[in-house]
N, C-alpha and C. Protein backbone atom coordinates (compact mmCIF):
# COMPACT_ATOMS: atom_id res chain seq x y z
N UNK A 1 9.15 -19.76 22.43
CA UNK A 1 10.21 -18.79 22.74
C UNK A 1 10.16 -18.47 24.33
N UNK A 2 11.07 -18.58 25.15
CA UNK A 2 10.73 -17.64 26.41
C UNK A 2 10.89 -16.04 26.16
N UNK A 3 10.35 -15.45 26.37
CA UNK A 3 11.07 -14.11 26.49
C UNK A 3 11.44 -13.29 27.62
N UNK A 4 12.92 -12.87 27.33
CA UNK A 4 13.42 -12.32 28.55
C UNK A 4 13.06 -10.93 28.04
N UNK A 5 11.67 -10.45 29.06
CA UNK A 5 11.45 -9.17 29.21
C UNK A 5 11.84 -7.37 29.02
N UNK A 6 12.88 -7.86 30.02
CA UNK A 6 13.52 -6.76 31.23
C UNK A 6 15.02 -6.89 29.65
N UNK A 7 15.31 -7.74 28.81
CA UNK A 7 15.83 -7.63 28.71
C UNK A 7 15.98 -7.02 27.02
N UNK A 8 14.92 -7.14 27.47
CA UNK A 8 13.81 -6.41 25.01
C UNK A 8 14.01 -4.97 25.83
N UNK A 9 13.56 -4.61 26.95
CA UNK A 9 12.79 -3.35 27.51
C UNK A 9 14.29 -2.13 27.25
N UNK A 10 15.16 -3.02 27.87
CA UNK A 10 16.65 -2.68 28.16
C UNK A 10 17.34 -2.30 26.48
N UNK A 11 17.07 -2.74 25.36
CA UNK A 11 17.72 -3.17 23.84
C UNK A 11 16.91 -1.63 23.66
N UNK A 12 15.60 -1.98 24.04
CA UNK A 12 14.58 -0.63 23.00
C UNK A 12 15.81 0.85 23.65
N UNK A 13 14.92 0.79 25.50
CA UNK A 13 15.60 1.50 26.07
C UNK A 13 17.01 2.65 25.73
N UNK A 14 17.48 1.55 24.71
CA UNK A 14 19.21 2.56 24.87
C UNK A 14 19.23 3.39 23.54
N UNK A 15 18.12 3.60 22.56
CA UNK A 15 17.94 4.28 21.36
C UNK A 15 16.54 5.55 22.08
N UNK A 16 17.00 5.58 23.79
CA UNK A 16 15.26 6.66 23.37
C UNK A 16 16.47 7.83 24.03
N UNK A 17 17.11 7.94 24.10
CA UNK A 17 18.02 9.11 24.37
C UNK A 17 17.83 10.18 22.52
N UNK A 18 18.39 8.82 21.89
CA UNK A 18 17.68 9.44 20.80
C UNK A 18 16.54 10.30 20.27
N UNK A 19 15.56 9.54 20.73
CA UNK A 19 14.35 9.79 20.83
C UNK A 19 14.13 10.87 21.22
N UNK A 20 14.26 11.43 22.51
CA UNK A 20 13.80 12.00 23.27
C UNK A 20 14.72 13.26 22.88
N UNK A 21 16.29 13.51 21.62
CA UNK A 21 16.54 14.74 22.27
C UNK A 21 15.91 14.89 20.03
N UNK A 22 15.54 13.95 19.48
CA UNK A 22 14.80 14.35 18.05
C UNK A 22 13.52 14.93 19.15
N UNK A 23 12.53 14.63 19.43
CA UNK A 23 11.69 15.63 20.50
C UNK A 23 11.83 16.54 20.75
N UNK A 24 12.86 17.07 21.70
CA UNK A 24 13.04 18.52 22.79
C UNK A 24 13.83 19.31 21.43
N UNK A 25 14.64 19.11 20.45
CA UNK A 25 14.56 19.90 19.38
C UNK A 25 13.75 20.16 18.11
N UNK A 26 13.29 19.25 17.97
CA UNK A 26 12.62 19.65 16.79
C UNK A 26 10.74 20.10 17.20
N UNK A 27 10.38 20.34 18.73
CA UNK A 27 9.45 20.90 19.77
C UNK A 27 10.01 22.15 19.66
N UNK A 28 11.28 22.78 20.52
CA UNK A 28 11.31 24.09 20.14
C UNK A 28 12.04 24.58 18.99
N UNK A 29 12.15 23.47 18.24
CA UNK A 29 11.97 25.24 16.68
C UNK A 29 10.60 24.69 16.39
N UNK A 30 9.83 23.85 16.54
CA UNK A 30 8.40 24.03 15.81
C UNK A 30 7.96 25.42 16.99
N UNK A 31 7.93 25.05 17.90
CA UNK A 31 7.57 26.40 18.80
C UNK A 31 7.72 27.82 18.41
N UNK A 32 9.20 27.63 17.92
CA UNK A 32 9.02 29.58 17.18
C UNK A 32 9.11 29.54 15.55
N UNK A 33 8.81 28.37 14.78
CA UNK A 33 8.38 28.66 14.00
C UNK A 33 6.61 28.72 13.79
N UNK A 34 6.27 27.77 14.52
CA UNK A 34 4.46 28.24 14.94
C UNK A 34 4.28 29.62 15.18
N UNK A 35 5.68 30.46 16.17
CA UNK A 35 5.15 31.52 17.16
C UNK A 35 5.59 32.64 15.33
N UNK A 36 6.51 32.03 14.38
CA UNK A 36 6.44 33.10 13.74
C UNK A 36 5.12 32.82 12.20
N UNK A 37 4.90 32.30 12.12
CA UNK A 37 3.41 32.04 11.02
C UNK A 37 2.42 32.42 11.82
N UNK A 38 2.43 32.23 13.15
CA UNK A 38 0.95 32.55 13.78
C UNK A 38 0.82 34.05 13.67
N UNK A 39 1.65 34.90 13.83
CA UNK A 39 2.29 36.09 14.16
C UNK A 39 2.02 36.83 12.54
N UNK A 40 2.17 36.41 11.29
CA UNK A 40 2.04 36.42 10.47
C UNK A 40 0.88 36.96 9.77
N UNK A 41 0.27 35.62 10.60
CA UNK A 41 -0.94 34.80 9.40
C UNK A 41 -2.09 36.38 10.96
N UNK A 42 -1.58 36.71 12.19
CA UNK A 42 -2.78 37.56 12.56
C UNK A 42 -2.52 38.95 12.43
N UNK A 43 -1.37 38.83 11.74
CA UNK A 43 -0.76 40.47 11.14
C UNK A 43 -1.36 40.94 9.83
N UNK A 44 -1.82 39.50 9.31
CA UNK A 44 -1.84 39.58 8.05
C UNK A 44 -1.08 40.13 6.64
N UNK A 45 0.19 40.21 7.22
CA UNK A 45 0.87 40.20 6.36
C UNK A 45 1.15 40.11 4.74
N UNK A 46 1.26 41.21 4.06
CA UNK A 46 0.83 41.39 2.62
C UNK A 46 2.21 40.19 2.29
N UNK A 47 2.06 39.15 0.94
CA UNK A 47 2.11 38.00 0.42
C UNK A 47 3.49 37.12 1.13
N UNK A 48 3.48 37.41 2.82
CA UNK A 48 3.62 36.20 3.46
C UNK A 48 2.68 35.33 3.82
N UNK A 49 1.15 36.13 4.43
CA UNK A 49 0.38 35.55 4.93
C UNK A 49 -0.24 35.04 3.88
N UNK A 50 -0.20 34.87 2.46
CA UNK A 50 -1.01 33.75 1.82
C UNK A 50 -0.11 32.80 1.69
N UNK A 51 0.75 33.23 1.47
CA UNK A 51 2.17 31.41 1.41
C UNK A 51 2.25 30.93 2.65
N UNK A 52 2.10 31.25 3.81
CA UNK A 52 2.03 30.80 4.45
C UNK A 52 0.78 29.73 4.83
N UNK A 53 -0.68 30.31 4.43
CA UNK A 53 -1.71 29.76 4.14
C UNK A 53 -1.13 28.55 3.50
N UNK A 54 -0.46 28.92 2.01
CA UNK A 54 -0.72 27.60 0.76
C UNK A 54 0.13 26.15 2.08
N UNK A 55 1.73 26.58 2.81
CA UNK A 55 2.28 25.79 2.91
C UNK A 55 1.69 25.14 3.98
N UNK A 56 0.36 25.99 4.49
CA UNK A 56 0.14 25.26 5.70
C UNK A 56 -1.07 23.89 5.30
N UNK A 57 -1.09 24.14 4.18
CA UNK A 57 -2.50 23.67 3.32
C UNK A 57 -1.96 22.33 2.77
N UNK A 58 -0.47 22.53 2.58
CA UNK A 58 0.43 21.71 1.86
C UNK A 58 0.48 20.58 2.90
N UNK A 59 0.96 20.62 4.45
CA UNK A 59 1.18 20.11 5.60
C UNK A 59 0.86 19.46 5.40
N UNK A 60 -1.07 20.04 6.01
CA UNK A 60 -2.11 19.21 6.33
C UNK A 60 -2.91 17.98 5.38
N UNK A 61 -2.50 18.54 3.99
CA UNK A 61 -3.08 17.47 2.76
C UNK A 61 -2.41 16.75 2.85
N UNK A 62 -0.76 16.50 2.89
CA UNK A 62 0.28 14.91 2.51
C UNK A 62 0.97 14.57 3.45
N UNK A 63 0.96 13.47 3.62
CA UNK A 63 1.31 12.69 4.85
C UNK A 63 2.82 13.05 5.53
N UNK A 64 3.17 12.25 6.47
CA UNK A 64 4.45 13.44 7.02
C UNK A 64 5.13 12.35 6.61
N UNK A 65 5.03 10.81 6.66
CA UNK A 65 6.41 10.47 5.62
C UNK A 65 6.90 10.91 4.61
N UNK A 66 5.68 11.46 3.68
CA UNK A 66 6.22 11.97 2.51
C UNK A 66 6.56 13.10 2.56
N UNK A 67 6.20 14.04 3.68
CA UNK A 67 7.35 15.36 4.02
C UNK A 67 9.04 14.82 4.53
N UNK A 68 8.43 13.98 5.24
CA UNK A 68 10.48 13.21 5.49
C UNK A 68 10.59 13.37 4.06
N UNK A 69 10.47 12.02 3.04
CA UNK A 69 11.34 11.90 2.39
C UNK A 69 11.55 12.83 1.26
N UNK A 70 10.33 13.78 1.36
CA UNK A 70 10.73 15.08 0.20
C UNK A 70 12.07 16.29 1.17
N UNK A 71 12.03 16.38 2.21
CA UNK A 71 12.93 16.97 2.91
C UNK A 71 14.65 15.90 3.22
N UNK A 72 14.38 14.35 2.92
CA UNK A 72 15.34 14.28 3.27
C UNK A 72 15.90 13.69 1.28
N UNK A 73 15.17 13.63 0.90
CA UNK A 73 15.93 13.15 -0.69
C UNK A 73 15.56 14.19 -1.99
N UNK A 74 14.50 14.99 -1.35
CA UNK A 74 14.25 16.04 -2.61
C UNK A 74 15.04 17.48 -2.47
N UNK A 75 14.86 17.70 -0.92
CA UNK A 75 15.75 19.11 -0.79
C UNK A 75 17.01 19.12 -0.62
N UNK A 76 18.14 18.23 -0.97
CA UNK A 76 19.74 18.65 -1.75
C UNK A 76 19.58 18.28 -2.24
N UNK A 77 18.85 18.08 -3.97
CA UNK A 77 19.29 17.96 -4.97
C UNK A 77 18.21 19.33 -5.70
N UNK A 78 17.23 19.54 -4.66
CA UNK A 78 16.75 21.28 -4.94
C UNK A 78 18.34 22.09 -4.52
N UNK A 79 18.69 21.97 -3.55
CA UNK A 79 19.39 23.80 -2.98
C UNK A 79 20.82 23.17 -4.20
N UNK A 80 21.01 21.89 -4.23
CA UNK A 80 22.02 21.77 -5.52
C UNK A 80 22.13 23.15 -6.75
N UNK A 81 21.26 23.02 -6.81
CA UNK A 81 20.92 23.94 -7.88
C UNK A 81 21.40 25.22 -8.13
N UNK A 82 21.66 25.75 -6.89
CA UNK A 82 21.40 26.77 -6.49
C UNK A 82 23.09 27.13 -5.63
N UNK A 83 23.95 26.09 -5.86
CA UNK A 83 24.92 25.68 -5.66
C UNK A 83 25.51 25.27 -3.80
N UNK A 84 24.62 24.64 -3.03
CA UNK A 84 23.98 24.74 -1.60
C UNK A 84 24.27 22.87 -1.33
N UNK A 85 25.38 23.08 -0.47
CA UNK A 85 25.12 20.89 -0.26
C UNK A 85 25.48 20.69 0.52
N UNK A 86 24.01 20.32 1.27
CA UNK A 86 23.56 19.32 2.56
C UNK A 86 23.57 17.72 2.30
N UNK A 87 24.55 17.57 1.27
CA UNK A 87 24.16 15.55 1.21
C UNK A 87 25.04 15.16 2.16
N UNK A 88 25.82 16.10 2.60
CA UNK A 88 27.04 15.61 3.59
C UNK A 88 26.42 15.42 5.25
N UNK A 89 25.35 16.30 5.76
CA UNK A 89 24.63 16.79 6.88
C UNK A 89 24.09 15.38 7.20
N UNK A 90 24.10 14.69 8.82
CA UNK A 90 23.73 14.02 9.21
C UNK A 90 22.55 13.51 9.03
N UNK A 91 21.82 12.72 8.99
CA UNK A 91 19.95 12.32 9.26
C UNK A 91 18.81 12.50 10.12
N UNK A 92 19.69 13.10 11.04
CA UNK A 92 18.78 13.57 12.17
C UNK A 92 18.54 14.92 11.88
N UNK A 93 19.07 15.60 10.81
CA UNK A 93 19.25 17.10 10.56
C UNK A 93 18.12 16.76 9.92
N UNK A 94 17.96 15.48 9.42
CA UNK A 94 16.96 15.64 7.88
C UNK A 94 15.68 15.91 8.87
N UNK A 95 15.70 14.42 9.98
CA UNK A 95 14.72 14.28 10.44
C UNK A 95 13.94 15.35 11.46
N UNK A 96 14.71 16.38 12.00
CA UNK A 96 14.78 16.75 13.08
C UNK A 96 14.02 18.19 11.97
N UNK A 97 14.36 18.54 11.12
CA UNK A 97 13.69 19.65 9.83
C UNK A 97 12.09 19.41 9.66
N UNK A 98 12.35 18.30 9.05
CA UNK A 98 10.67 17.83 8.69
C UNK A 98 10.07 17.34 9.74
N UNK A 99 10.08 17.13 10.85
CA UNK A 99 9.57 16.93 12.39
C UNK A 99 9.17 18.68 12.58
N UNK A 100 9.59 19.83 12.41
CA UNK A 100 9.64 21.21 12.56
C UNK A 100 8.48 21.86 11.53
N UNK A 101 9.32 21.55 10.51
CA UNK A 101 8.70 22.22 9.32
C UNK A 101 7.14 21.67 9.29
N UNK A 102 6.84 19.99 9.57
CA UNK A 102 4.97 19.25 9.61
C UNK A 102 4.81 20.09 11.58
N UNK A 103 5.40 20.33 12.65
CA UNK A 103 4.86 20.51 13.58
C UNK A 103 4.75 21.81 13.48
N UNK A 104 5.58 22.61 13.43
CA UNK A 104 5.37 23.58 13.81
C UNK A 104 4.12 24.54 12.11
N UNK A 105 3.75 23.78 11.64
CA UNK A 105 2.44 24.19 11.17
C UNK A 105 0.86 24.25 11.90
N UNK A 106 1.19 22.87 12.55
CA UNK A 106 0.36 22.95 13.27
C UNK A 106 0.13 23.91 14.22
N UNK A 107 1.27 23.85 15.23
CA UNK A 107 1.58 24.89 15.74
C UNK A 107 1.12 26.01 15.76
N UNK A 108 1.01 26.91 14.71
CA UNK A 108 0.84 27.62 13.84
C UNK A 108 -0.70 28.31 14.59
N UNK A 109 -1.34 27.30 14.53
CA UNK A 109 -2.47 27.62 14.03
C UNK A 109 -3.04 27.58 15.58
N UNK A 110 -2.65 26.43 16.25
CA UNK A 110 -2.71 25.97 17.64
C UNK A 110 -2.41 27.93 18.84
N UNK A 111 -1.70 28.51 17.70
CA UNK A 111 -1.70 29.45 18.47
C UNK A 111 -2.32 30.85 18.35
N UNK A 112 -2.53 30.51 16.61
CA UNK A 112 -2.84 31.69 16.12
C UNK A 112 -4.73 31.81 16.90
N UNK A 113 -5.23 30.35 17.48
CA UNK A 113 -6.46 30.55 17.77
C UNK A 113 -6.72 30.48 19.30
N UNK A 114 -5.27 30.39 20.03
CA UNK A 114 -4.85 31.01 21.03
C UNK A 114 -5.16 32.68 21.10
N UNK A 115 -4.59 32.90 20.44
CA UNK A 115 -4.85 34.58 20.69
C UNK A 115 -5.79 35.38 19.90
N UNK A 116 -7.47 34.54 19.63
CA UNK A 116 -8.01 35.06 19.05
C UNK A 116 -8.98 34.65 20.17
N UNK A 117 -8.57 33.62 20.46
CA UNK A 117 -9.73 33.58 21.58
C UNK A 117 -9.84 34.37 22.65
N UNK A 118 -8.96 35.54 22.87
CA UNK A 118 -8.80 36.68 24.24
C UNK A 118 -9.93 37.41 23.37
N UNK A 119 -11.07 37.68 24.59
CA UNK A 119 -11.81 38.64 24.21
C UNK A 119 -11.04 40.34 23.44
N UNK A 120 -11.15 41.05 22.17
CA UNK A 120 -11.06 41.75 22.62
C UNK A 120 -11.14 43.06 23.08
N UNK A 121 -12.30 42.87 23.63
CA UNK A 121 -12.86 44.23 24.82
C UNK A 121 -12.05 44.05 25.86
N UNK A 122 -10.87 42.88 26.41
CA UNK A 122 -9.82 43.32 27.09
C UNK A 122 -8.96 44.14 27.04
N UNK A 123 -8.69 43.91 25.56
CA UNK A 123 -7.18 44.62 24.94
C UNK A 123 -7.70 46.39 24.87
N UNK A 124 -9.22 46.66 24.64
CA UNK A 124 -9.72 48.14 24.48
C UNK A 124 -9.49 48.83 25.78
N UNK A 125 -10.10 47.39 26.73
CA UNK A 125 -10.48 48.09 28.09
C UNK A 125 -8.00 48.65 28.57
N UNK A 126 -7.83 47.30 28.05
CA UNK A 126 -6.04 48.11 28.79
C UNK A 126 -5.60 49.34 27.89
N UNK A 127 -6.39 49.87 26.50
CA UNK A 127 -5.61 50.47 25.80
C UNK A 127 -6.09 52.13 27.38
N UNK A 128 -7.55 51.68 27.26
CA UNK A 128 -8.50 52.70 27.84
C UNK A 128 -7.62 53.12 29.37
N UNK A 129 -7.34 52.22 30.06
CA UNK A 129 -6.82 52.64 31.06
C UNK A 129 -4.66 53.19 31.14
N UNK A 130 -4.63 53.68 29.54
CA UNK A 130 -3.33 53.64 28.97
C UNK A 130 -2.28 52.79 29.25
N UNK A 131 -2.47 51.51 29.38
CA UNK A 131 -1.31 50.71 29.82
C UNK A 131 -0.49 50.29 27.41
N UNK A 132 -0.05 50.26 27.78
CA UNK A 132 1.00 50.15 26.39
C UNK A 132 0.22 48.74 25.39
N UNK A 133 0.03 48.67 24.34
CA UNK A 133 0.59 47.48 23.80
C UNK A 133 0.97 46.22 24.31
N UNK A 134 2.88 46.05 24.96
CA UNK A 134 3.54 45.21 25.52
C UNK A 134 3.30 44.64 26.36
N UNK A 135 2.77 45.73 27.35
CA UNK A 135 1.79 45.15 28.91
C UNK A 135 1.13 44.36 28.17
N UNK A 136 0.26 44.85 27.53
CA UNK A 136 -1.34 43.88 27.04
C UNK A 136 -0.87 42.70 26.61
N UNK A 137 0.04 42.31 26.03
CA UNK A 137 0.36 41.21 24.98
C UNK A 137 1.17 40.23 26.12
N UNK A 138 2.32 41.11 26.90
CA UNK A 138 2.64 39.98 28.08
C UNK A 138 2.23 39.80 28.67
N UNK A 139 0.66 40.59 29.68
CA UNK A 139 0.59 40.21 30.88
C UNK A 139 -1.16 39.91 31.27
N UNK A 140 -1.61 40.32 29.71
CA UNK A 140 -3.45 39.67 29.22
C UNK A 140 -3.65 38.61 27.94
N UNK A 141 -3.05 38.90 27.37
CA UNK A 141 -3.07 38.03 25.84
C UNK A 141 -2.03 37.06 25.62
N UNK A 142 -0.97 37.20 26.47
CA UNK A 142 0.06 35.88 26.20
C UNK A 142 -0.66 34.86 27.82
N UNK A 143 -0.87 35.49 28.46
CA UNK A 143 -0.73 34.41 29.60
C UNK A 143 -2.57 33.73 28.77
N UNK A 144 -3.70 34.13 28.91
CA UNK A 144 -4.83 33.60 28.51
C UNK A 144 -4.87 32.61 27.30
N UNK A 145 -4.32 33.29 26.72
CA UNK A 145 -3.38 32.24 25.06
C UNK A 145 -2.88 31.17 25.04
N UNK A 146 -1.82 31.42 26.28
CA UNK A 146 -1.36 30.25 26.65
C UNK A 146 -2.52 29.02 27.72
N UNK A 147 -3.28 29.15 28.18
CA UNK A 147 -4.04 29.02 28.97
C UNK A 147 -5.17 27.91 28.03
N UNK A 148 -5.74 28.84 27.35
CA UNK A 148 -6.60 28.23 26.13
C UNK A 148 -6.07 27.55 25.41
N UNK A 149 -5.02 27.36 24.97
CA UNK A 149 -4.24 26.42 24.02
C UNK A 149 -3.32 24.87 23.97
N UNK A 150 -3.40 24.91 25.76
CA UNK A 150 -3.11 24.10 26.30
C UNK A 150 -3.24 22.67 25.94
N UNK A 151 -4.44 22.16 26.02
CA UNK A 151 -5.44 21.09 25.55
C UNK A 151 -4.30 20.41 23.87
N UNK A 152 -4.86 21.73 22.56
CA UNK A 152 -4.59 21.61 21.83
C UNK A 152 -3.25 21.48 21.63
N UNK A 153 -2.27 21.78 22.22
CA UNK A 153 -0.96 22.33 22.12
C UNK A 153 0.29 21.04 22.63
N UNK A 154 -0.86 20.28 24.04
CA UNK A 154 -0.22 18.76 24.92
C UNK A 154 -0.83 17.73 23.55
N UNK A 155 -1.81 17.55 22.75
CA UNK A 155 -2.31 17.17 21.54
C UNK A 155 -0.85 17.17 20.56
N UNK A 156 -0.65 17.84 20.45
CA UNK A 156 0.41 17.81 19.47
C UNK A 156 1.86 17.81 19.45
N UNK A 157 1.89 17.77 20.98
CA UNK A 157 3.46 17.35 21.57
C UNK A 157 3.23 16.24 21.44
N UNK A 158 2.40 15.62 21.40
CA UNK A 158 1.95 14.01 21.34
C UNK A 158 1.77 13.41 20.70
N UNK A 159 1.19 14.45 19.20
CA UNK A 159 1.68 13.63 18.02
C UNK A 159 2.60 13.59 17.71
N UNK A 160 3.99 14.69 18.19
CA UNK A 160 5.19 14.35 18.03
C UNK A 160 5.55 12.80 18.00
N UNK A 161 5.98 12.97 19.23
CA UNK A 161 6.29 11.82 19.98
C UNK A 161 5.90 10.59 18.93
N UNK A 162 4.64 10.31 18.88
CA UNK A 162 4.50 9.01 17.69
C UNK A 162 5.18 9.57 16.12
N UNK A 163 4.75 10.84 15.89
CA UNK A 163 5.74 10.88 14.52
C UNK A 163 6.91 11.13 14.71
N UNK A 164 7.90 10.74 15.50
CA UNK A 164 8.99 10.18 15.95
C UNK A 164 9.42 8.81 15.28
N UNK A 165 8.16 7.90 15.31
CA UNK A 165 8.51 6.98 15.04
C UNK A 165 8.62 6.71 13.61
N UNK A 166 8.78 7.40 12.82
CA UNK A 166 8.92 7.00 10.97
C UNK A 166 10.47 7.74 11.08
N UNK A 167 11.52 8.09 11.85
CA UNK A 167 12.64 8.43 10.94
C UNK A 167 13.48 7.13 11.13
N UNK A 168 13.04 6.06 11.49
CA UNK A 168 13.75 4.93 11.30
C UNK A 168 13.50 4.58 9.68
N UNK A 169 12.31 4.93 9.18
CA UNK A 169 12.78 4.81 7.49
C UNK A 169 13.33 5.83 6.65
N UNK A 170 14.29 6.39 7.41
CA UNK A 170 15.16 7.16 6.94
C UNK A 170 16.84 6.68 7.17
N UNK A 171 16.89 5.50 8.11
CA UNK A 171 18.20 4.96 7.80
C UNK A 171 18.37 5.64 10.27
N UNK A 172 17.83 6.30 10.48
CA UNK A 172 18.09 6.85 11.93
C UNK A 172 17.44 5.54 13.17
N UNK A 173 18.70 5.43 13.76
CA UNK A 173 18.09 4.13 14.74
C UNK A 173 17.66 4.83 16.00
N UNK A 174 16.40 5.20 15.97
CA UNK A 174 15.56 5.35 17.14
C UNK A 174 15.31 4.14 17.54
N UNK A 175 14.25 4.39 18.52
CA UNK A 175 13.86 3.99 18.76
C UNK A 175 12.89 2.93 17.76
N UNK A 176 12.07 2.84 17.22
CA UNK A 176 11.54 2.35 16.18
C UNK A 176 12.94 1.19 15.38
N UNK A 177 13.73 2.31 15.19
CA UNK A 177 15.00 1.55 14.43
C UNK A 177 15.47 0.14 14.89
N UNK A 178 15.66 0.49 16.78
CA UNK A 178 16.06 -0.73 16.83
C UNK A 178 15.64 -1.86 17.24
N UNK A 179 13.95 -1.46 17.18
CA UNK A 179 13.20 -2.56 17.33
C UNK A 179 13.51 -3.92 15.86
N UNK A 180 13.51 -2.50 15.07
CA UNK A 180 14.06 -3.79 13.39
C UNK A 180 14.85 -4.36 13.90
N UNK A 181 16.37 -3.56 14.16
CA UNK A 181 17.40 -4.13 14.05
C UNK A 181 17.21 -5.68 15.72
N UNK A 182 16.56 -5.45 16.28
CA UNK A 182 16.18 -6.69 16.88
C UNK A 182 15.97 -7.33 16.39
N UNK A 183 14.63 -7.38 16.06
CA UNK A 183 14.21 -8.78 14.83
C UNK A 183 14.98 -8.92 13.73
N UNK A 184 15.16 -7.76 13.17
CA UNK A 184 15.84 -8.53 12.49
C UNK A 184 17.18 -9.89 12.76
N UNK A 185 18.08 -9.39 13.93
CA UNK A 185 19.02 -10.27 13.92
C UNK A 185 18.51 -11.45 14.99
N UNK A 186 17.13 -11.19 15.54
CA UNK A 186 16.17 -12.72 15.50
C UNK A 186 15.76 -13.17 14.58
N UNK A 187 15.58 -12.71 13.73
CA UNK A 187 15.29 -13.81 11.82
C UNK A 187 13.53 -13.40 11.81
N UNK A 188 13.22 -12.58 13.28
CA UNK A 188 11.50 -12.13 13.22
C UNK A 188 11.27 -12.93 14.17
N UNK A 189 11.69 -13.41 15.13
CA UNK A 189 11.26 -14.41 16.15
C UNK A 189 11.02 -13.45 16.72
N UNK A 190 9.90 -13.57 17.86
CA UNK A 190 9.55 -12.86 18.63
C UNK A 190 8.96 -10.69 18.45
N UNK A 191 8.37 -10.79 17.38
CA UNK A 191 7.77 -9.60 16.58
C UNK A 191 6.46 -8.58 18.34
N UNK A 192 5.84 -10.63 18.06
CA UNK A 192 4.72 -9.53 19.19
C UNK A 192 5.46 -8.89 20.13
N UNK A 193 6.19 -9.16 21.10
CA UNK A 193 7.18 -8.80 22.30
C UNK A 193 8.03 -7.42 21.62
N UNK A 194 8.22 -7.58 20.79
CA UNK A 194 9.65 -6.21 20.89
C UNK A 194 8.35 -5.27 20.32
N UNK A 195 7.27 -5.39 19.91
CA UNK A 195 6.11 -4.88 19.22
C UNK A 195 5.36 -4.06 20.72
N UNK A 196 4.92 -5.17 21.56
CA UNK A 196 4.64 -4.97 22.86
C UNK A 196 5.34 -3.88 23.78
N UNK A 197 7.11 -3.93 23.72
CA UNK A 197 7.39 -3.41 24.56
C UNK A 197 7.59 -1.39 23.99
N UNK A 198 7.89 -1.60 22.74
CA UNK A 198 7.42 -0.31 22.22
C UNK A 198 6.43 0.17 22.40
N UNK A 199 5.42 -0.45 22.06
CA UNK A 199 4.07 0.35 22.02
C UNK A 199 3.94 0.87 23.73
N UNK A 200 3.97 0.21 25.28
CA UNK A 200 4.25 0.42 26.29
C UNK A 200 5.25 1.49 26.54
N UNK A 201 6.49 2.07 25.93
CA UNK A 201 7.28 2.59 25.63
C UNK A 201 6.62 3.93 25.40
N UNK A 202 5.99 3.81 24.23
CA UNK A 202 5.46 4.95 23.90
C UNK A 202 4.66 5.80 24.38
N UNK A 203 3.76 4.92 24.60
CA UNK A 203 2.62 5.08 26.03
C UNK A 203 2.76 5.57 27.71
N UNK A 204 4.29 5.09 27.55
CA UNK A 204 4.42 5.56 28.81
C UNK A 204 4.58 7.29 28.58
N UNK A 205 5.44 7.35 27.45
CA UNK A 205 5.82 8.73 27.44
C UNK A 205 4.52 10.12 27.48
N UNK A 206 3.78 8.97 26.25
CA UNK A 206 3.00 9.93 26.35
C UNK A 206 1.79 10.25 27.54
N UNK A 207 1.84 9.59 28.78
CA UNK A 207 1.24 9.61 29.84
C UNK A 207 1.94 10.63 30.36
N UNK A 208 2.72 10.96 30.44
CA UNK A 208 3.68 11.58 31.02
C UNK A 208 3.83 13.13 30.68
N UNK A 209 3.34 12.82 29.35
CA UNK A 209 3.63 14.27 29.17
C UNK A 209 2.18 15.12 29.34
N UNK A 210 1.40 14.41 29.08
CA UNK A 210 -0.14 14.67 29.08
C UNK A 210 -0.54 14.31 30.61
N UNK A 211 0.40 13.79 31.40
CA UNK A 211 0.05 14.25 32.60
C UNK A 211 0.37 15.74 33.72
N UNK A 212 2.04 16.04 32.71
CA UNK A 212 2.65 17.26 32.91
C UNK A 212 1.62 18.63 32.97
N UNK A 213 0.86 18.95 31.56
CA UNK A 213 0.44 19.30 31.03
C UNK A 213 -1.15 19.74 31.63
N UNK A 214 -0.99 18.57 31.71
CA UNK A 214 -3.13 18.97 32.54
C UNK A 214 -2.65 18.92 34.09
N UNK A 215 -2.00 19.02 34.55
CA UNK A 215 -1.40 19.57 35.66
C UNK A 215 -1.32 21.54 36.22
N UNK A 216 -0.55 21.02 34.63
CA UNK A 216 -0.32 22.41 34.39
C UNK A 216 -1.73 24.09 34.17
N UNK A 217 -2.51 22.85 33.13
CA UNK A 217 -3.51 23.29 32.34
C UNK A 217 -4.50 23.49 33.89
N UNK A 218 -4.93 22.77 34.85
CA UNK A 218 -5.48 22.50 35.53
C UNK A 218 -4.67 24.38 36.73
N UNK A 219 -3.90 24.13 36.72
CA UNK A 219 -3.10 25.35 37.32
C UNK A 219 -3.46 26.77 36.56
N UNK A 220 -3.25 26.48 35.57
CA UNK A 220 -3.51 27.85 34.65
C UNK A 220 -5.02 28.40 35.31
N UNK A 221 -6.41 27.47 35.18
CA UNK A 221 -7.58 27.42 34.95
C UNK A 221 -8.07 27.94 36.09
N UNK A 222 -7.22 28.60 37.62
CA UNK A 222 -7.18 29.12 38.56
C UNK A 222 -7.61 30.76 37.89
N UNK A 223 -8.15 31.14 38.68
CA UNK A 223 -8.44 32.87 38.22
C UNK A 223 -7.41 33.80 38.62
N UNK A 224 -7.14 34.05 37.02
CA UNK A 224 -6.00 34.83 36.56
C UNK A 224 -6.08 36.60 36.60
N UNK A 225 -5.00 36.99 37.49
CA UNK A 225 -5.16 38.31 37.91
C UNK A 225 -3.75 38.92 37.20
N UNK A 226 -4.14 40.11 36.57
CA UNK A 226 -3.09 40.91 35.01
C UNK A 226 -2.50 41.66 36.40
């Protein structure tokens, strides 16, 4: 069978906007969640800190696919016990929620490690010369913490991109869902070609992210001036 490569790319790329939407929204939400969790761990907030550690342990120890199913199938049933009905919510909501909870747990550790990587002597020096903690945080700690976290942050963003390929398992037609439709419409013919196409697209997205953040990392490695 002759393969029309441009047509295959065009068909798969029709679902690219939805995939990018998932990535962007989930990433923004995960960063916010990760920041909150990191602050709780850094401040060692009573009660909340142990809960966060348990949550992180659960996320790291269970497959993402299982977490997605728990959010999509189990969460609505649990909330119904307290008379909250979310069964009418879109699949996109559940997918973004699952990816946010998953990625946020990992990003919290990336952020916490970045914060702890800053030499405490610099904080003490700032306090000694009369700087407020807010000034130290915004001009000394955060810039260095972000710079130190960029490699791990890049890895987590690329992982999120790959994770979105699971969205089709609950019926969302993203790029992976699109290729399932293509394969189904062709009665299973051309599977190799379709999977080659989707692999190239994910590869290109990852390369763009990696290249962009590598440039940011190189720029951030320049001597920092507070």
